């Protein structure tokens, strides 16, 4: 479900500024808690991909960085849940190994605006 992120309590509204794009360097990620509900978000930039996901492993809904910051693989292609090592492709959040197989991270659509800020991207009308 492409808009599953919206079903979480405290999900940011479309158009919401999450952070400055320069806060997420190539080959790195930024873990943030947004708003009064501390909505957990991971923003990652790797190999030309800038992506955001709800920071909740679909296996147990614990944050991927629950047990430490070592979430992004050395080659920048995989996010790893530090709780039980489920692995997800950075490009699209699809589970690729371990308990991540047959599930995916909930992607949050983002865009970098003209002022260099990462915003939740408004859904386009179909």
PDB file of N, CA and C in Angstrom:
ATOM      1  N   UNK A   1       0.844  -1.171   0.000  1.00  0.00           N
ATOM      2  CA  UNK A   1       0.000   0.000   0.000  1.00  0.00           C
ATOM      3  C   UNK A   1       0.892   1.238   0.000  1.00  0.00           C
ATOM      4  N   UNK A   2       0.891   2.019  -1.066  1.00  0.00           N
ATOM      5  CA  UNK A   2       1.809   3.146  -1.210  1.00  0.00           C
ATOM      6  C   UNK A   2       1.665   4.247  -0.161  1.00  0.00           C
ATOM      7  N   UNK A   3       0.474   4.453   0.376  1.00  0.00           N
ATOM      8  CA  UNK A   3       0.276   5.511   1.353  1.00  0.00           C
ATOM      9  C   UNK A   3       0.143   4.980   2.772  1.00  0.00           C
ATOM     10  N   UNK A   4       0.700   3.800   3.054  1.00  0.00           N
ATOM     11  CA  UNK A   4       0.580   3.196   4.383  1.00  0.00           C
ATOM     12  C   UNK A   4       1.146   4.111   5.468  1.00  0.00           C
ATOM     13  N   UNK A   5       2.141   4.910   5.138  1.00  0.00           N
ATOM     14  CA  UNK A   5       2.760   5.802   6.128  1.00  0.00           C
ATOM     15  C   UNK A   5       1.740   6.754   6.736  1.00  0.00           C
ATOM     16  N   UNK A   6       0.694   7.097   5.976  1.00  0.00           N
ATOM     17  CA  UNK A   6      -0.322   8.034   6.464  1.00  0.00           C
ATOM     18  C   UNK A   6      -1.162   7.442   7.600  1.00  0.00           C
ATOM     19  N   UNK A   7      -1.188   6.114   7.709  1.00  0.00           N
ATOM     20  CA  UNK A   7      -2.020   5.468   8.725  1.00  0.00           C
ATOM     21  C   UNK A   7      -1.370   5.463  10.111  1.00  0.00           C
ATOM     22  N   UNK A   8      -0.113   5.826  10.205  1.00  0.00           N
ATOM     23  CA  UNK A   8       0.570   5.866  11.498  1.00  0.00           C
ATOM     24  C   UNK A   8       0.152   7.114  12.273  1.00  0.00           C
ATOM     25  N   UNK A   9       0.029   6.973  13.577  1.00  0.00           N
ATOM     26  CA  UNK A   9      -0.287   8.103  14.451  1.00  0.00           C
ATOM     27  C   UNK A   9       0.825   9.141  14.353  1.00  0.00           C
ATOM     28  N   UNK A  10       0.456  10.376  14.139  1.00  0.00           N
ATOM     29  CA  UNK A  10       1.424  11.469  14.102  1.00  0.00           C
ATOM     30  C   UNK A  10       2.145  11.647  12.785  1.00  0.00           C
ATOM     31  N   UNK A  11       1.698  10.956  11.726  1.00  0.00           N
ATOM     32  CA  UNK A  11       2.351  11.094  10.419  1.00  0.00           C
ATOM     33  C   UNK A  11       2.306  12.561   9.969  1.00  0.00           C
ATOM     34  N   UNK A  12       3.407  13.065   9.409  1.00  0.00           N
ATOM     35  CA  UNK A  12       3.424  14.466   8.960  1.00  0.00           C
ATOM     36  C   UNK A  12       2.518  14.673   7.757  1.00  0.00           C
ATOM     37  N   UNK A  13       1.961  15.857   7.663  1.00  0.00           N
ATOM     38  CA  UNK A  13       1.097  16.204   6.535  1.00  0.00           C
ATOM     39  C   UNK A  13       1.928  16.395   5.271  1.00  0.00           C
ATOM     40  N   UNK A  14       1.291  16.204   4.135  1.00  0.00           N
ATOM     41  CA  UNK A  14       1.955  16.484   2.861  1.00  0.00           C
ATOM     42  C   UNK A  14       2.396  17.937   2.848  1.00  0.00           C
ATOM     43  N   UNK A  15       3.607  18.188   2.348  1.00  0.00           N
ATOM     44  CA  UNK A  15       4.160  19.533   2.303  1.00  0.00           C
ATOM     45  C   UNK A  15       5.019  19.885   3.510  1.00  0.00           C
ATOM     46  N   UNK A  16       4.984  19.056   4.544  1.00  0.00           N
ATOM     47  CA  UNK A  16       5.750  19.318   5.760  1.00  0.00           C
ATOM     48  C   UNK A  16       7.256  19.262   5.492  1.00  0.00           C
ATOM     49  N   UNK A  17       7.980  20.243   6.014  1.00  0.00           N
ATOM     50  CA  UNK A  17       9.446  20.250   5.922  1.00  0.00           C
ATOM     51  C   UNK A  17       9.996  19.279   6.969  1.00  0.00           C
ATOM     52  N   UNK A  18      10.871  18.374   6.533  1.00  0.00           N
ATOM     53  CA  UNK A  18      11.475  17.403   7.440  1.00  0.00           C
ATOM     54  C   UNK A  18      12.866  17.822   7.895  1.00  0.00           C
ATOM     55  N   UNK A  19      13.680  18.319   6.966  1.00  0.00           N
ATOM     56  CA  UNK A  19      15.032  18.773   7.293  1.00  0.00           C
ATOM     57  C   UNK A  19      15.628  19.419   6.049  1.00  0.00           C
ATOM     58  N   UNK A  20      16.825  19.986   6.182  1.00  0.00           N
ATOM     59  CA  UNK A  20      17.550  20.509   5.026  1.00  0.00           C
ATOM     60  C   UNK A  20      18.203  19.351   4.284  1.00  0.00           C
ATOM     61  N   UNK A  21      18.185  19.401   2.969  1.00  0.00           N
ATOM     62  CA  UNK A  21      18.762  18.328   2.161  1.00  0.00           C
ATOM     63  C   UNK A  21      20.253  18.138   2.452  1.00  0.00           C
ATOM     64  N   UNK A  22      20.959  19.224   2.769  1.00  0.00           N
ATOM     65  CA  UNK A  22      22.396  19.082   3.038  1.00  0.00           C
ATOM     66  C   UNK A  22      22.667  18.368   4.367  1.00  0.00           C
ATOM     67  N   UNK A  23      21.618  18.144   5.181  1.00  0.00           N
ATOM     68  CA  UNK A  23      21.778  17.392   6.427  1.00  0.00           C
ATOM     69  C   UNK A  23      21.937  15.893   6.184  1.00  0.00           C
ATOM     70  N   UNK A  24      21.664  15.445   4.959  1.00  0.00           N
ATOM     71  CA  UNK A  24      21.766  14.027   4.616  1.00  0.00           C
ATOM     72  C   UNK A  24      22.773  13.900   3.480  1.00  0.00           C
ATOM     73  N   UNK A  25      24.014  13.641   3.832  1.00  0.00           N
ATOM     74  CA  UNK A  25      25.074  13.528   2.834  1.00  0.00           C
ATOM     75  C   UNK A  25      25.018  12.220   2.081  1.00  0.00           C
ATOM     76  N   UNK A  26      25.711  12.170   0.960  1.00  0.00           N
ATOM     77  CA  UNK A  26      25.797  10.948   0.160  1.00  0.00           C
ATOM     78  C   UNK A  26      26.342   9.808   1.029  1.00  0.00           C
ATOM     79  N   UNK A  27      25.694   8.658   0.944  1.00  0.00           N
ATOM     80  CA  UNK A  27      26.119   7.488   1.698  1.00  0.00           C
ATOM     81  C   UNK A  27      25.809   7.570   3.183  1.00  0.00           C
ATOM     82  N   UNK A  28      24.792   8.350   3.532  1.00  0.00           N
ATOM     83  CA  UNK A  28      24.449   8.469   4.950  1.00  0.00           C
ATOM     84  C   UNK A  28      22.939   8.488   5.140  1.00  0.00           C
ATOM     85  N   UNK A  29      22.550   8.443   6.394  1.00  0.00           N
ATOM     86  CA  UNK A  29      21.138   8.545   6.714  1.00  0.00           C
ATOM     87  C   UNK A  29      20.945   9.442   7.911  1.00  0.00           C
ATOM     88  N   UNK A  30      19.720   9.909   8.050  1.00  0.00           N
ATOM     89  CA  UNK A  30      19.357  10.767   9.180  1.00  0.00           C
ATOM     90  C   UNK A  30      18.096  10.169   9.791  1.00  0.00           C
ATOM     91  N   UNK A  31      18.142   9.932  11.088  1.00  0.00           N
ATOM     92  CA  UNK A  31      16.999   9.445  11.829  1.00  0.00           C
ATOM     93  C   UNK A  31      16.397  10.632  12.567  1.00  0.00           C
ATOM     94  N   UNK A  32      15.106  10.892  12.331  1.00  0.00           N
ATOM     95  CA  UNK A  32      14.462  12.008  13.017  1.00  0.00           C
ATOM     96  C   UNK A  32      13.159  11.537  13.651  1.00  0.00           C
ATOM     97  N   UNK A  33      12.745  12.261  14.654  1.00  0.00           N
ATOM     98  CA  UNK A  33      11.431  12.064  15.265  1.00  0.00           C
ATOM     99  C   UNK A  33      10.691  13.371  15.043  1.00  0.00           C
ATOM    100  N   UNK A  34       9.566  13.266  14.341  1.00  0.00           N
ATOM    101  CA  UNK A  34       8.860  14.453  13.899  1.00  0.00           C
ATOM    102  C   UNK A  34       7.629  14.731  14.746  1.00  0.00           C
ATOM    103  N   UNK A  35       7.460  15.999  15.102  1.00  0.00           N
ATOM    104  CA  UNK A  35       6.240  16.474  15.743  1.00  0.00           C
ATOM    105  C   UNK A  35       6.043  16.006  17.168  1.00  0.00           C
ATOM    106  N   UNK A  36       4.914  16.390  17.739  1.00  0.00           N
ATOM    107  CA  UNK A  36       4.643  16.058  19.140  1.00  0.00           C
ATOM    108  C   UNK A  36       4.500  14.559  19.396  1.00  0.00           C
ATOM    109  N   UNK A  37       4.138  13.776  18.361  1.00  0.00           N
ATOM    110  CA  UNK A  37       4.000  12.326  18.530  1.00  0.00           C
ATOM    111  C   UNK A  37       5.314  11.592  18.292  1.00  0.00           C
ATOM    112  N   UNK A  38       6.410  12.350  18.027  1.00  0.00           N
ATOM    113  CA  UNK A  38       7.713  11.738  17.730  1.00  0.00           C
ATOM    114  C   UNK A  38       7.624  10.694  16.615  1.00  0.00           C
ATOM    115  N   UNK A  39       6.952  11.070  15.524  1.00  0.00           N
ATOM    116  CA  UNK A  39       6.821  10.176  14.373  1.00  0.00           C
ATOM    117  C   UNK A  39       8.217   9.828  13.853  1.00  0.00           C
ATOM    118  N   UNK A  40       8.588   8.531  13.806  1.00  0.00           N
ATOM    119  CA  UNK A  40       9.953   8.129  13.453  1.00  0.00           C
ATOM    120  C   UNK A  40      10.183   8.043  11.942  1.00  0.00           C
ATOM    121  N   UNK A  41      11.196   8.751  11.462  1.00  0.00           N
ATOM    122  CA  UNK A  41      11.501   8.791  10.029  1.00  0.00           C
ATOM    123  C   UNK A  41      12.992   8.541   9.812  1.00  0.00           C
ATOM    124  N   UNK A  42      13.308   7.730   8.813  1.00  0.00           N
ATOM    125  CA  UNK A  42      14.681   7.563   8.334  1.00  0.00           C
ATOM    126  C   UNK A  42      14.756   8.178   6.946  1.00  0.00           C
ATOM    127  N   UNK A  43      15.722   9.074   6.751  1.00  0.00           N
ATOM    128  CA  UNK A  43      15.970   9.649   5.431  1.00  0.00           C
ATOM    129  C   UNK A  43      17.366   9.199   5.029  1.00  0.00           C
ATOM    130  N   UNK A  44      17.490   8.637   3.843  1.00  0.00           N
ATOM    131  CA  UNK A  44      18.761   8.085   3.388  1.00  0.00           C
ATOM    132  C   UNK A  44      19.087   8.595   1.993  1.00  0.00           C
ATOM    133  N   UNK A  45      20.393   8.849   1.784  1.00  0.00           N
ATOM    134  CA  UNK A  45      20.870   9.255   0.460  1.00  0.00           C
ATOM    135  C   UNK A  45      22.013   8.324   0.086  1.00  0.00           C
ATOM    136  N   UNK A  46      21.826   7.620  -1.032  1.00  0.00           N
ATOM    137  CA  UNK A  46      22.858   6.687  -1.472  1.00  0.00           C
ATOM    138  C   UNK A  46      22.746   6.441  -2.968  1.00  0.00           C
ATOM    139  N   UNK A  47      23.869   6.519  -3.659  1.00  0.00           N
ATOM    140  CA  UNK A  47      23.951   6.238  -5.099  1.00  0.00           C
ATOM    141  C   UNK A  47      22.863   6.967  -5.895  1.00  0.00           C
ATOM    142  N   UNK A  48      22.696   8.240  -5.576  1.00  0.00           N
ATOM    143  CA  UNK A  48      21.736   9.048  -6.310  1.00  0.00           C
ATOM    144  C   UNK A  48      20.296   8.905  -5.841  1.00  0.00           C
ATOM    145  N   UNK A  49      20.060   8.064  -4.856  1.00  0.00           N
ATOM    146  CA  UNK A  49      18.707   7.873  -4.330  1.00  0.00           C
ATOM    147  C   UNK A  49      18.552   8.640  -3.029  1.00  0.00           C
ATOM    148  N   UNK A  50      17.505   9.433  -2.943  1.00  0.00           N
ATOM    149  CA  UNK A  50      17.121  10.096  -1.700  1.00  0.00           C
ATOM    150  C   UNK A  50      15.753   9.530  -1.354  1.00  0.00           C
ATOM    151  N   UNK A  51      15.679   8.854  -0.211  1.00  0.00           N
ATOM    152  CA  UNK A  51      14.444   8.173   0.162  1.00  0.00           C
ATOM    153  C   UNK A  51      14.142   8.385   1.630  1.00  0.00           C
ATOM    154  N   UNK A  52      12.862   8.291   1.961  1.00  0.00           N
ATOM    155  CA  UNK A  52      12.435   8.387   3.361  1.00  0.00           C
ATOM    156  C   UNK A  52      11.497   7.226   3.655  1.00  0.00           C
ATOM    157  N   UNK A  53      11.643   6.690   4.845  1.00  0.00           N
ATOM    158  CA  UNK A  53      10.819   5.571   5.288  1.00  0.00           C
ATOM    159  C   UNK A  53      10.371   5.803   6.718  1.00  0.00           C
ATOM    160  N   UNK A  54       9.211   5.233   7.063  1.00  0.00           N
ATOM    161  CA  UNK A  54       8.825   5.182   8.459  1.00  0.00           C
ATOM    162  C   UNK A  54       9.874   4.320   9.142  1.00  0.00           C
ATOM    163  N   UNK A  55      10.449   4.823  10.213  1.00  0.00           N
ATOM    164  CA  UNK A  55      11.499   4.088  10.921  1.00  0.00           C
ATOM    165  C   UNK A  55      10.845   3.049  11.834  1.00  0.00           C
ATOM    166  N   UNK A  56      10.267   2.038  11.187  1.00  0.00           N
ATOM    167  CA  UNK A  56       9.607   0.948  11.896  1.00  0.00           C
ATOM    168  C   UNK A  56       9.749  -0.322  11.074  1.00  0.00           C
ATOM    169  N   UNK A  57      10.469  -1.284  11.597  1.00  0.00           N
ATOM    170  CA  UNK A  57      10.628  -2.558  10.908  1.00  0.00           C
ATOM    171  C   UNK A  57       9.261  -3.247  10.839  1.00  0.00           C
ATOM    172  N   UNK A  58       8.853  -3.711   9.672  1.00  0.00           N
ATOM    173  CA  UNK A  58       7.536  -4.336   9.553  1.00  0.00           C
ATOM    174  C   UNK A  58       7.416  -5.654  10.313  1.00  0.00           C
ATOM    175  N   UNK A  59       8.523  -6.193  10.798  1.00  0.00           N
ATOM    176  CA  UNK A  59       8.475  -7.449  11.546  1.00  0.00           C
ATOM    177  C   UNK A  59       7.953  -7.241  12.961  1.00  0.00           C
ATOM    178  N   UNK A  60       8.492  -6.230  13.675  1.00  0.00           N
ATOM    179  CA  UNK A  60       8.066  -5.984  15.053  1.00  0.00           C
ATOM    180  C   UNK A  60       7.746  -4.510  15.322  1.00  0.00           C
ATOM    181  N   UNK A  61       7.847  -3.680  14.319  1.00  0.00           N
ATOM    182  CA  UNK A  61       7.558  -2.247  14.407  1.00  0.00           C
ATOM    183  C   UNK A  61       8.459  -1.504  15.389  1.00  0.00           C
ATOM    184  N   UNK A  62       9.622  -2.061  15.665  1.00  0.00           N
ATOM    185  CA  UNK A  62      10.647  -1.327  16.404  1.00  0.00           C
ATOM    186  C   UNK A  62      11.417  -0.484  15.397  1.00  0.00           C
ATOM    187  N   UNK A  63      11.983   0.649  15.830  1.00  0.00           N
ATOM    188  CA  UNK A  63      12.812   1.441  14.912  1.00  0.00           C
ATOM    189  C   UNK A  63      13.990   0.611  14.398  1.00  0.00           C
ATOM    190  N   UNK A  64      14.356   0.814  13.136  1.00  0.00           N
ATOM    191  CA  UNK A  64      15.498   0.096  12.597  1.00  0.00           C
ATOM    192  C   UNK A  64      16.761   0.378  13.408  1.00  0.00           C
ATOM    193  N   UNK A  65      16.882   1.586  13.944  1.00  0.00           N
ATOM    194  CA  UNK A  65      18.064   1.957  14.732  1.00  0.00           C
ATOM    195  C   UNK A  65      17.841   1.780  16.236  1.00  0.00           C
ATOM    196  N   UNK A  66      16.936   0.878  16.614  1.00  0.00           N
ATOM    197  CA  UNK A  66      16.591   0.631  18.023  1.00  0.00           C
ATOM    198  C   UNK A  66      17.814   0.257  18.861  1.00  0.00           C
ATOM    199  N   UNK A  67      18.712  -0.541  18.305  1.00  0.00           N
ATOM    200  CA  UNK A  67      19.888  -1.007  19.051  1.00  0.00           C
ATOM    201  C   UNK A  67      21.199  -0.402  18.555  1.00  0.00           C
ATOM    202  N   UNK A  68      21.130   0.714  17.882  1.00  0.00           N
ATOM    203  CA  UNK A  68      22.362   1.364  17.435  1.00  0.00           C
ATOM    204  C   UNK A  68      22.191   2.048  16.099  1.00  0.00           C
ATOM    205  N   UNK A  69      23.215   2.782  15.732  1.00  0.00           N
ATOM    206  CA  UNK A  69      23.165   3.603  14.520  1.00  0.00           C
ATOM    207  C   UNK A  69      23.654   2.900  13.263  1.00  0.00           C
ATOM    208  N   UNK A  70      24.147   1.690  13.373  1.00  0.00           N
ATOM    209  CA  UNK A  70      24.719   0.976  12.231  1.00  0.00           C
ATOM    210  C   UNK A  70      23.606   0.358  11.382  1.00  0.00           C
ATOM    211  N   UNK A  71      22.868   1.210  10.676  1.00  0.00           N
ATOM    212  CA  UNK A  71      21.705   0.781   9.905  1.00  0.00           C
ATOM    213  C   UNK A  71      22.027   0.649   8.414  1.00  0.00           C
ATOM    214  N   UNK A  72      22.835   1.546   7.877  1.00  0.00           N
ATOM    215  CA  UNK A  72      23.146   1.559   6.451  1.00  0.00           C
ATOM    216  C   UNK A  72      24.360   0.676   6.162  1.00  0.00           C
ATOM    217  N   UNK A  73      24.232  -0.213   5.166  1.00  0.00           N
ATOM    218  CA  UNK A  73      25.345  -1.091   4.798  1.00  0.00           C
ATOM    219  C   UNK A  73      26.528  -0.271   4.287  1.00  0.00           C
ATOM    220  N   UNK A  74      27.705  -0.864   4.313  1.00  0.00           N
ATOM    221  CA  UNK A  74      28.930  -0.175   3.888  1.00  0.00           C
ATOM    222  C   UNK A  74      28.843   0.301   2.444  1.00  0.00           C
ATOM    223  N   UNK A  75      28.157  -0.455   1.586  1.00  0.00           N
ATOM    224  CA  UNK A  75      28.041  -0.037   0.184  1.00  0.00           C
ATOM    225  C   UNK A  75      26.840   0.882  -0.051  1.00  0.00           C
ATOM    226  N   UNK A  76      26.065   1.171   1.005  1.00  0.00           N
ATOM    227  CA  UNK A  76      24.966   2.118   0.911  1.00  0.00           C
ATOM    228  C   UNK A  76      23.730   1.628   0.191  1.00  0.00           C
ATOM    229  N   UNK A  77      23.599   0.324   0.003  1.00  0.00           N
ATOM    230  CA  UNK A  77      22.466  -0.191  -0.759  1.00  0.00           C
ATOM    231  C   UNK A  77      21.378  -0.842   0.097  1.00  0.00           C
ATOM    232  N   UNK A  78      21.690  -1.110   1.378  1.00  0.00           N
ATOM    233  CA  UNK A  78      20.771  -1.865   2.219  1.00  0.00           C
ATOM    234  C   UNK A  78      20.634  -1.209   3.591  1.00  0.00           C
ATOM    235  N   UNK A  79      19.388  -1.160   4.080  1.00  0.00           N
ATOM    236  CA  UNK A  79      19.111  -0.743   5.449  1.00  0.00           C
ATOM    237  C   UNK A  79      18.916  -2.007   6.280  1.00  0.00           C
ATOM    238  N   UNK A  80      19.500  -2.029   7.475  1.00  0.00           N
ATOM    239  CA  UNK A  80      19.451  -3.215   8.326  1.00  0.00           C
ATOM    240  C   UNK A  80      18.782  -2.867   9.643  1.00  0.00           C
ATOM    241  N   UNK A  81      17.821  -3.687  10.044  1.00  0.00           N
ATOM    242  CA  UNK A  81      17.198  -3.529  11.349  1.00  0.00           C
ATOM    243  C   UNK A  81      18.195  -4.008  12.394  1.00  0.00           C
ATOM    244  N   UNK A  82      18.536  -3.146  13.336  1.00  0.00           N
ATOM    245  CA  UNK A  82      19.525  -3.507  14.361  1.00  0.00           C
ATOM    246  C   UNK A  82      18.948  -4.432  15.420  1.00  0.00           C
ATOM    247  N   UNK A  83      17.643  -4.618  15.427  1.00  0.00           N
ATOM    248  CA  UNK A  83      17.027  -5.496  16.421  1.00  0.00           C
ATOM    249  C   UNK A  83      17.124  -6.965  16.020  1.00  0.00           C
ATOM    250  N   UNK A  84      16.857  -7.282  14.752  1.00  0.00           N
ATOM    251  CA  UNK A  84      16.889  -8.688  14.342  1.00  0.00           C
ATOM    252  C   UNK A  84      17.445  -8.898  12.934  1.00  0.00           C
ATOM    253  N   UNK A  85      18.158  -7.905  12.411  1.00  0.00           N
ATOM    254  CA  UNK A  85      18.923  -8.009  11.161  1.00  0.00           C
ATOM    255  C   UNK A  85      18.109  -8.205   9.887  1.00  0.00           C
ATOM    256  N   UNK A  86      16.829  -7.865   9.892  1.00  0.00           N
ATOM    257  CA  UNK A  86      16.090  -7.847   8.629  1.00  0.00           C
ATOM    258  C   UNK A  86      16.745  -6.789   7.745  1.00  0.00           C
ATOM    259  N   UNK A  87      16.782  -7.039   6.432  1.00  0.00           N
ATOM    260  CA  UNK A  87      17.445  -6.106   5.523  1.00  0.00           C
ATOM    261  C   UNK A  87      16.490  -5.670   4.423  1.00  0.00           C
ATOM    262  N   UNK A  88      16.621  -4.371   4.057  1.00  0.00           N
ATOM    263  CA  UNK A  88      15.717  -3.747   3.094  1.00  0.00           C
ATOM    264  C   UNK A  88      16.522  -2.917   2.112  1.00  0.00           C
ATOM    265  N   UNK A  89      16.148  -2.986   0.843  1.00  0.00           N
ATOM    266  CA  UNK A  89      16.822  -2.239  -0.216  1.00  0.00           C
ATOM    267  C   UNK A  89      16.570  -0.739  -0.041  1.00  0.00           C
ATOM    268  N   UNK A  90      17.629   0.069  -0.076  1.00  0.00           N
ATOM    269  CA  UNK A  90      17.515   1.523   0.069  1.00  0.00           C
ATOM    270  C   UNK A  90      16.636   2.107  -1.020  1.00  0.00           C
ATOM    271  N   UNK A  91      16.803   1.650  -2.224  1.00  0.00           N
ATOM    272  CA  UNK A  91      16.123   2.217  -3.383  1.00  0.00           C
ATOM    273  C   UNK A  91      14.600   2.246  -3.244  1.00  0.00           C
ATOM    274  N   UNK A  92      14.018   1.170  -2.666  1.00  0.00           N
ATOM    275  CA  UNK A  92      12.552   1.105  -2.615  1.00  0.00           C
ATOM    276  C   UNK A  92      11.989   0.505  -1.327  1.00  0.00           C
ATOM    277  N   UNK A  93      12.838   0.136  -0.374  1.00  0.00           N
ATOM    278  CA  UNK A  93      12.379  -0.395   0.907  1.00  0.00           C
ATOM    279  C   UNK A  93      11.968  -1.855   0.900  1.00  0.00           C
ATOM    280  N   UNK A  94      12.119  -2.528  -0.227  1.00  0.00           N
ATOM    281  CA  UNK A  94      11.750  -3.937  -0.329  1.00  0.00           C
ATOM    282  C   UNK A  94      12.663  -4.801   0.531  1.00  0.00           C
ATOM    283  N   UNK A  95      12.069  -5.759   1.248  1.00  0.00           N
ATOM    284  CA  UNK A  95      12.852  -6.680   2.057  1.00  0.00           C
ATOM    285  C   UNK A  95      13.691  -7.595   1.186  1.00  0.00           C
ATOM    286  N   UNK A  96      14.980  -7.745   1.548  1.00  0.00           N
ATOM    287  CA  UNK A  96      15.878  -8.544   0.720  1.00  0.00           C
ATOM    288  C   UNK A  96      16.561  -9.679   1.476  1.00  0.00           C
ATOM    289  N   UNK A  97      16.437  -9.700   2.807  1.00  0.00           N
ATOM    290  CA  UNK A  97      17.134 -10.746   3.548  1.00  0.00           C
ATOM    291  C   UNK A  97      16.548 -10.898   4.946  1.00  0.00           C
ATOM    292  N   UNK A  98      16.660 -12.131   5.466  1.00  0.00           N
ATOM    293  CA  UNK A  98      16.232 -12.407   6.832  1.00  0.00           C
ATOM    294  C   UNK A  98      14.743 -12.183   7.015  1.00  0.00           C
ATOM    295  N   UNK A  99      14.367 -11.659   8.177  1.00  0.00           N
ATOM    296  CA  UNK A  99      12.959 -11.435   8.489  1.00  0.00           C
ATOM    297  C   UNK A  99      12.348 -10.306   7.657  1.00  0.00           C
ATOM    298  N   UNK A 100      13.165  -9.648   6.837  1.00  0.00           N
ATOM    299  CA  UNK A 100      12.651  -8.617   5.942  1.00  0.00           C
ATOM    300  C   UNK A 100      12.033  -9.175   4.671  1.00  0.00           C
ATOM    301  N   UNK A 101      12.313 -10.445   4.378  1.00  0.00           N
ATOM    302  CA  UNK A 101      11.755 -11.041   3.163  1.00  0.00           C
ATOM    303  C   UNK A 101      10.230 -11.013   3.216  1.00  0.00           C
ATOM    304  N   UNK A 102       9.630 -10.827   2.070  1.00  0.00           N
ATOM    305  CA  UNK A 102       8.169 -10.810   1.922  1.00  0.00           C
ATOM    306  C   UNK A 102       7.493  -9.642   2.632  1.00  0.00           C
ATOM    307  N   UNK A 103       8.229  -8.583   2.899  1.00  0.00           N
ATOM    308  CA  UNK A 103       7.626  -7.373   3.450  1.00  0.00           C
ATOM    309  C   UNK A 103       8.461  -6.185   2.973  1.00  0.00           C
ATOM    310  N   UNK A 104       8.055  -5.005   3.345  1.00  0.00           N
ATOM    311  CA  UNK A 104       8.769  -3.802   2.907  1.00  0.00           C
ATOM    312  C   UNK A 104       8.587  -2.696   3.931  1.00  0.00           C
ATOM    313  N   UNK A 105       9.514  -1.764   3.897  1.00  0.00           N
ATOM    314  CA  UNK A 105       9.378  -0.573   4.725  1.00  0.00           C
ATOM    315  C   UNK A 105       8.299   0.320   4.118  1.00  0.00           C
ATOM    316  N   UNK A 106       7.646   1.102   4.958  1.00  0.00           N
ATOM    317  CA  UNK A 106       6.639   2.039   4.467  1.00  0.00           C
ATOM    318  C   UNK A 106       7.328   3.321   4.022  1.00  0.00           C
ATOM    319  N   UNK A 107       7.324   3.535   2.702  1.00  0.00           N
ATOM    320  CA  UNK A 107       7.984   4.693   2.115  1.00  0.00           C
ATOM    321  C   UNK A 107       7.162   5.957   2.337  1.00  0.00           C
ATOM    322  N   UNK A 108       7.873   7.051   2.562  1.00  0.00           N
ATOM    323  CA  UNK A 108       7.268   8.376   2.663  1.00  0.00           C
ATOM    324  C   UNK A 108       7.739   9.154   1.437  1.00  0.00           C
ATOM    325  N   UNK A 109       6.837   9.611   0.581  1.00  0.00           N
ATOM    326  CA  UNK A 109       7.269  10.348  -0.609  1.00  0.00           C
ATOM    327  C   UNK A 109       7.861  11.692  -0.209  1.00  0.00           C
ATOM    328  N   UNK A 110       9.033  11.989  -0.737  1.00  0.00           N
ATOM    329  CA  UNK A 110       9.694  13.254  -0.417  1.00  0.00           C
ATOM    330  C   UNK A 110      10.159  13.940  -1.686  1.00  0.00           C
ATOM    331  N   UNK A 111      10.448  15.230  -1.536  1.00  0.00           N
ATOM    332  CA  UNK A 111      10.971  16.037  -2.629  1.00  0.00           C
ATOM    333  C   UNK A 111      11.872  17.094  -2.002  1.00  0.00           C
ATOM    334  N   UNK A 112      12.883  17.513  -2.735  1.00  0.00           N
ATOM    335  CA  UNK A 112      13.715  18.638  -2.296  1.00  0.00           C
ATOM    336  C   UNK A 112      13.156  19.886  -2.962  1.00  0.00           C
ATOM    337  N   UNK A 113      12.762  20.865  -2.134  1.00  0.00           N
ATOM    338  CA  UNK A 113      12.159  22.080  -2.687  1.00  0.00           C
ATOM    339  C   UNK A 113      13.231  23.048  -3.194  1.00  0.00           C
ATOM    340  N   UNK A 114      12.814  24.166  -3.730  1.00  0.00           N
ATOM    341  CA  UNK A 114      13.732  25.148  -4.313  1.00  0.00           C
ATOM    342  C   UNK A 114      14.672  25.772  -3.289  1.00  0.00           C
ATOM    343  N   UNK A 115      14.329  25.679  -2.018  1.00  0.00           N
ATOM    344  CA  UNK A 115      15.179  26.210  -0.956  1.00  0.00           C
ATOM    345  C   UNK A 115      16.092  25.145  -0.344  1.00  0.00           C
ATOM    346  N   UNK A 116      16.124  23.946  -0.950  1.00  0.00           N
ATOM    347  CA  UNK A 116      17.011  22.888  -0.485  1.00  0.00           C
ATOM    348  C   UNK A 116      16.510  22.157   0.746  1.00  0.00           C
ATOM    349  N   UNK A 117      15.204  22.193   0.973  1.00  0.00           N
ATOM    350  CA  UNK A 117      14.627  21.495   2.121  1.00  0.00           C
ATOM    351  C   UNK A 117      13.908  20.236   1.652  1.00  0.00           C
ATOM    352  N   UNK A 118      14.006  19.185   2.451  1.00  0.00           N
ATOM    353  CA  UNK A 118      13.286  17.949   2.158  1.00  0.00           C
ATOM    354  C   UNK A 118      11.884  18.091   2.731  1.00  0.00           C
ATOM    355  N   UNK A 119      10.901  17.896   1.859  1.00  0.00           N
ATOM    356  CA  UNK A 119       9.489  17.998   2.252  1.00  0.00           C
ATOM    357  C   UNK A 119       8.784  16.682   1.963  1.00  0.00           C
ATOM    358  N   UNK A 120       7.735  16.428   2.728  1.00  0.00           N
ATOM    359  CA  UNK A 120       6.827  15.337   2.370  1.00  0.00           C
ATOM    360  C   UNK A 120       6.145  15.767   1.075  1.00  0.00           C
ATOM    361  N   UNK A 121       6.229  14.919   0.082  1.00  0.00           N
ATOM    362  CA  UNK A 121       5.721  15.250  -1.249  1.00  0.00           C
ATOM    363  C   UNK A 121       4.212  15.072  -1.311  1.00  0.00           C
ATOM    364  N   UNK A 122       3.532  16.079  -1.819  1.00  0.00           N
ATOM    365  CA  UNK A 122       2.080  15.989  -1.990  1.00  0.00           C
ATOM    366  C   UNK A 122       1.773  14.972  -3.077  1.00  0.00           C
ATOM    367  N   UNK A 123       0.820  14.136  -2.822  1.00  0.00           N
ATOM    368  CA  UNK A 123       0.418  13.123  -3.805  1.00  0.00           C
ATOM    369  C   UNK A 123      -0.165  13.820  -5.027  1.00  0.00           C
ATOM    370  N   UNK A 124       0.194  13.353  -6.186  1.00  0.00           N
ATOM    371  CA  UNK A 124      -0.361  13.935  -7.411  1.00  0.00           C
ATOM    372  C   UNK A 124      -1.720  13.315  -7.688  1.00  0.00           C
ATOM    373  N   UNK A 125      -2.583  14.092  -8.254  1.00  0.00           N
ATOM    374  CA  UNK A 125      -3.920  13.581  -8.574  1.00  0.00           C
ATOM    375  C   UNK A 125      -3.838  12.577  -9.696  1.00  0.00           C
ATOM    376  N   UNK A 126      -4.538  11.484  -9.540  1.00  0.00           N
ATOM    377  CA  UNK A 126      -4.496  10.423 -10.558  1.00  0.00           C
ATOM    378  C   UNK A 126      -5.589  10.607 -11.582  1.00  0.00           C
TER     379      UNK A 126
END
